Amino acid sequence: MKPLLIALAFALTLASTAALAAINVNTASADELAQFDGVGPTKAAAIIDYREENGPFNSVDGLAQVSGIGDKTVAGLRDDATVGDSAE
């Protein structure tokens, strides 16, 4: 019984760690970006277009420069999005 409990605890730890991983808006695919609340396929495509034309985002707040993404959407993304090694 103990090995089963240990395996279950390990699986739950991995699942919770994966759930906490932020999505890097500078490298994410359109499908990954569309997973964000308030971002569907159209806004995901706009994010990719913007970063291709203007380079990587320096902070999550930079997403507000993307057409169709406002301050409210950016605020909702702060816990789930990252720009990687750049300053947040």
N, C-alpha and C. Protein backbone atom coordinates (compact mmCIF):
# COMPACT_ATOMS: atom_id res chain seq x y z
N MET A 1 0.82 -1.21 0.00
CA MET A 1 0.00 0.00 0.00
C MET A 1 0.86 1.27 0.00
N LYS A 2 1.98 1.24 0.74
CA LYS A 2 2.84 2.42 0.79
C LYS A 2 3.41 2.80 -0.58
N PRO A 3 3.87 1.83 -1.38
CA PRO A 3 4.37 2.24 -2.70
C PRO A 3 3.31 2.95 -3.54
N LEU A 4 2.06 2.53 -3.41
CA LEU A 4 0.98 3.17 -4.14
C LEU A 4 0.79 4.60 -3.66
N LEU A 5 0.84 4.83 -2.37
CA LEU A 5 0.70 6.18 -1.83
C LEU A 5 1.86 7.07 -2.24
N ILE A 6 3.05 6.52 -2.24
CA ILE A 6 4.22 7.29 -2.66
C ILE A 6 4.09 7.67 -4.14
N ALA A 7 3.68 6.72 -4.96
CA ALA A 7 3.51 7.00 -6.38
C ALA A 7 2.44 8.06 -6.60
N LEU A 8 1.36 7.97 -5.85
CA LEU A 8 0.28 8.95 -5.97
C LEU A 8 0.76 10.34 -5.55
N ALA A 9 1.50 10.42 -4.46
CA ALA A 9 2.03 11.70 -4.00
C ALA A 9 2.97 12.30 -5.04
N PHE A 10 3.81 11.46 -5.62
CA PHE A 10 4.74 11.91 -6.65
C PHE A 10 3.99 12.45 -7.86
N ALA A 11 2.97 11.73 -8.30
CA ALA A 11 2.17 12.15 -9.46
C ALA A 11 1.48 13.48 -9.19
N LEU A 12 0.94 13.65 -8.00
CA LEU A 12 0.27 14.91 -7.65
C LEU A 12 1.26 16.07 -7.61
N THR A 13 2.46 15.80 -7.13
CA THR A 13 3.49 16.84 -7.10
C THR A 13 3.86 17.27 -8.50
N LEU A 14 4.05 16.31 -9.39
CA LEU A 14 4.37 16.64 -10.78
C LEU A 14 3.24 17.42 -11.44
N ALA A 15 2.02 17.01 -11.20
CA ALA A 15 0.86 17.67 -11.81
C ALA A 15 0.74 19.11 -11.31
N SER A 16 0.95 19.33 -10.02
CA SER A 16 0.82 20.68 -9.49
C SER A 16 1.96 21.56 -9.97
N THR A 17 3.16 21.00 -10.12
CA THR A 17 4.28 21.76 -10.65
C THR A 17 4.03 22.16 -12.09
N ALA A 18 3.50 21.25 -12.89
CA ALA A 18 3.19 21.57 -14.28
C ALA A 18 2.12 22.64 -14.37
N ALA A 19 1.15 22.59 -13.49
CA ALA A 19 0.07 23.58 -13.50
C ALA A 19 0.59 24.97 -13.15
N LEU A 20 1.68 25.03 -12.37
CA LEU A 20 2.23 26.31 -11.95
C LEU A 20 3.19 26.91 -12.97
N ALA A 21 3.60 26.15 -13.95
CA ALA A 21 4.56 26.64 -14.93
C ALA A 21 3.93 27.73 -15.79
N ALA A 22 4.61 28.85 -15.86
CA ALA A 22 4.12 29.96 -16.67
C ALA A 22 4.44 29.72 -18.14
N ILE A 23 3.63 30.27 -18.98
CA ILE A 23 3.84 30.18 -20.43
C ILE A 23 4.64 31.40 -20.88
N ASN A 24 5.73 31.16 -21.60
CA ASN A 24 6.57 32.23 -22.10
C ASN A 24 5.95 32.81 -23.37
N VAL A 25 5.51 34.05 -23.28
CA VAL A 25 4.83 34.67 -24.43
C VAL A 25 5.78 34.97 -25.58
N ASN A 26 7.09 34.90 -25.33
CA ASN A 26 8.06 35.13 -26.39
C ASN A 26 8.36 33.88 -27.21
N THR A 27 7.99 32.72 -26.70
CA THR A 27 8.29 31.47 -27.41
C THR A 27 7.07 30.59 -27.63
N ALA A 28 5.95 30.92 -27.01
CA ALA A 28 4.76 30.07 -27.07
C ALA A 28 4.14 30.06 -28.47
N SER A 29 3.56 28.92 -28.80
CA SER A 29 2.81 28.78 -30.05
C SER A 29 1.45 29.45 -29.89
N ALA A 30 0.75 29.59 -30.99
CA ALA A 30 -0.60 30.15 -30.94
C ALA A 30 -1.52 29.30 -30.08
N ASP A 31 -1.38 27.98 -30.17
CA ASP A 31 -2.21 27.08 -29.35
C ASP A 31 -1.94 27.28 -27.87
N GLU A 32 -0.66 27.46 -27.51
CA GLU A 32 -0.32 27.68 -26.11
C GLU A 32 -0.86 29.02 -25.62
N LEU A 33 -0.70 30.06 -26.42
CA LEU A 33 -1.19 31.38 -26.04
C LEU A 33 -2.70 31.40 -25.89
N ALA A 34 -3.39 30.65 -26.74
CA ALA A 34 -4.85 30.62 -26.70
C ALA A 34 -5.38 29.96 -25.43
N GLN A 35 -4.52 29.30 -24.66
CA GLN A 35 -4.92 28.69 -23.39
C GLN A 35 -5.17 29.73 -22.30
N PHE A 36 -4.60 30.91 -22.46
CA PHE A 36 -4.79 31.97 -21.47
C PHE A 36 -6.25 32.40 -21.43
N ASP A 37 -6.75 32.72 -20.24
CA ASP A 37 -8.08 33.30 -20.12
C ASP A 37 -8.10 34.64 -20.83
N GLY A 38 -9.09 34.86 -21.65
CA GLY A 38 -9.22 36.12 -22.36
C GLY A 38 -8.44 36.20 -23.66
N VAL A 39 -7.73 35.12 -24.00
CA VAL A 39 -6.95 35.09 -25.25
C VAL A 39 -7.42 33.89 -26.05
N GLY A 40 -8.03 34.15 -27.16
CA GLY A 40 -8.44 33.08 -28.06
C GLY A 40 -7.51 33.03 -29.25
N PRO A 41 -7.90 32.32 -30.28
CA PRO A 41 -7.04 32.18 -31.47
C PRO A 41 -6.69 33.51 -32.14
N THR A 42 -7.62 34.44 -32.19
CA THR A 42 -7.36 35.72 -32.85
C THR A 42 -6.34 36.54 -32.09
N LYS A 43 -6.49 36.64 -30.77
CA LYS A 43 -5.53 37.40 -29.97
C LYS A 43 -4.18 36.69 -29.91
N ALA A 44 -4.19 35.38 -29.90
CA ALA A 44 -2.94 34.61 -29.91
C ALA A 44 -2.16 34.92 -31.19
N ALA A 45 -2.85 34.95 -32.31
CA ALA A 45 -2.21 35.28 -33.58
C ALA A 45 -1.67 36.71 -33.56
N ALA A 46 -2.42 37.62 -32.94
CA ALA A 46 -1.98 39.02 -32.85
C ALA A 46 -0.72 39.13 -32.00
N ILE A 47 -0.62 38.35 -30.93
CA ILE A 47 0.58 38.35 -30.10
C ILE A 47 1.79 37.89 -30.91
N ILE A 48 1.61 36.81 -31.66
CA ILE A 48 2.71 36.29 -32.47
C ILE A 48 3.10 37.29 -33.55
N ASP A 49 2.12 37.88 -34.22
CA ASP A 49 2.42 38.89 -35.24
C ASP A 49 3.20 40.06 -34.64
N TYR A 50 2.76 40.50 -33.47
CA TYR A 50 3.41 41.64 -32.82
C TYR A 50 4.86 41.31 -32.49
N ARG A 51 5.09 40.14 -31.88
CA ARG A 51 6.47 39.81 -31.49
C ARG A 51 7.37 39.56 -32.71
N GLU A 52 6.79 39.09 -33.81
CA GLU A 52 7.59 38.90 -35.03
C GLU A 52 7.98 40.24 -35.64
N GLU A 53 7.10 41.23 -35.52
CA GLU A 53 7.37 42.55 -36.09
C GLU A 53 8.21 43.44 -35.18
N ASN A 54 8.09 43.23 -33.86
CA ASN A 54 8.71 44.15 -32.90
C ASN A 54 9.75 43.51 -31.99
N GLY A 55 9.96 42.23 -32.10
CA GLY A 55 10.90 41.55 -31.24
C GLY A 55 10.22 41.06 -29.96
N PRO A 56 11.01 40.43 -29.10
CA PRO A 56 10.42 39.84 -27.89
C PRO A 56 9.91 40.89 -26.93
N PHE A 57 8.96 40.46 -26.13
CA PHE A 57 8.41 41.32 -25.08
C PHE A 57 9.43 41.42 -23.95
N ASN A 58 9.60 42.60 -23.39
CA ASN A 58 10.49 42.80 -22.25
C ASN A 58 9.80 42.51 -20.94
N SER A 59 8.48 42.59 -20.95
CA SER A 59 7.70 42.30 -19.75
C SER A 59 6.30 41.86 -20.18
N VAL A 60 5.59 41.26 -19.26
CA VAL A 60 4.21 40.85 -19.54
C VAL A 60 3.36 42.08 -19.83
N ASP A 61 3.67 43.20 -19.20
CA ASP A 61 2.93 44.44 -19.44
C ASP A 61 3.00 44.88 -20.90
N GLY A 62 4.04 44.48 -21.61
CA GLY A 62 4.19 44.82 -23.02
C GLY A 62 3.09 44.26 -23.89
N LEU A 63 2.39 43.24 -23.40
CA LEU A 63 1.28 42.67 -24.17
C LEU A 63 0.17 43.69 -24.42
N ALA A 64 0.12 44.74 -23.59
CA ALA A 64 -0.90 45.78 -23.79
C ALA A 64 -0.69 46.53 -25.09
N GLN A 65 0.48 46.41 -25.70
CA GLN A 65 0.76 47.06 -26.98
C GLN A 65 0.15 46.31 -28.16
N VAL A 66 -0.29 45.08 -27.91
CA VAL A 66 -0.87 44.24 -28.96
C VAL A 66 -2.32 44.67 -29.18
N SER A 67 -2.68 44.87 -30.42
CA SER A 67 -4.05 45.25 -30.76
C SER A 67 -5.03 44.20 -30.24
N GLY A 68 -6.03 44.66 -29.49
CA GLY A 68 -7.05 43.76 -28.95
C GLY A 68 -6.77 43.27 -27.55
N ILE A 69 -5.60 43.61 -27.00
CA ILE A 69 -5.27 43.20 -25.65
C ILE A 69 -5.16 44.44 -24.78
N GLY A 70 -6.03 44.52 -23.80
CA GLY A 70 -6.06 45.68 -22.93
C GLY A 70 -5.47 45.39 -21.56
N ASP A 71 -5.50 46.42 -20.74
CA ASP A 71 -4.93 46.32 -19.40
C ASP A 71 -5.59 45.23 -18.56
N LYS A 72 -6.89 45.05 -18.72
CA LYS A 72 -7.61 44.03 -17.95
C LYS A 72 -7.11 42.63 -18.33
N THR A 73 -6.92 42.38 -19.60
CA THR A 73 -6.41 41.08 -20.04
C THR A 73 -4.99 40.87 -19.53
N VAL A 74 -4.15 41.90 -19.63
CA VAL A 74 -2.77 41.80 -19.15
C VAL A 74 -2.76 41.49 -17.65
N ALA A 75 -3.59 42.16 -16.90
CA ALA A 75 -3.66 41.92 -15.45
C ALA A 75 -4.01 40.47 -15.16
N GLY A 76 -4.89 39.90 -15.96
CA GLY A 76 -5.28 38.51 -15.76
C GLY A 76 -4.20 37.52 -16.17
N LEU A 77 -3.22 37.96 -16.95
CA LEU A 77 -2.16 37.08 -17.42
C LEU A 77 -0.93 37.09 -16.53
N ARG A 78 -0.81 38.04 -15.65
CA ARG A 78 0.42 38.21 -14.87
C ARG A 78 0.85 36.96 -14.11
N ASP A 79 -0.07 36.18 -13.61
CA ASP A 79 0.29 34.99 -12.84
C ASP A 79 0.63 33.81 -13.73
N ASP A 80 0.19 33.82 -14.97
CA ASP A 80 0.34 32.66 -15.85
C ASP A 80 1.32 32.87 -17.01
N ALA A 81 1.75 34.10 -17.21
CA ALA A 81 2.62 34.41 -18.35
C ALA A 81 3.99 34.86 -17.86
N THR A 82 4.97 34.63 -18.70
CA THR A 82 6.33 35.10 -18.43
C THR A 82 6.95 35.51 -19.76
N VAL A 83 8.03 36.25 -19.68
CA VAL A 83 8.78 36.60 -20.87
C VAL A 83 10.14 35.90 -20.85
N GLY A 84 10.32 34.99 -19.95
CA GLY A 84 11.56 34.23 -19.85
C GLY A 84 12.60 34.95 -19.02
N ASP A 85 13.80 35.06 -19.55
CA ASP A 85 14.92 35.63 -18.80
C ASP A 85 14.89 37.13 -18.74
N SER A 86 14.04 37.77 -19.53
CA SER A 86 13.95 39.21 -19.52
C SER A 86 13.31 39.70 -18.23
N ALA A 87 13.40 40.98 -17.97
CA ALA A 87 12.78 41.55 -16.78
C ALA A 87 11.28 41.41 -16.87
N GLU A 88 10.66 41.06 -15.79
CA GLU A 88 9.21 40.92 -15.73
C GLU A 88 8.62 42.29 -15.57
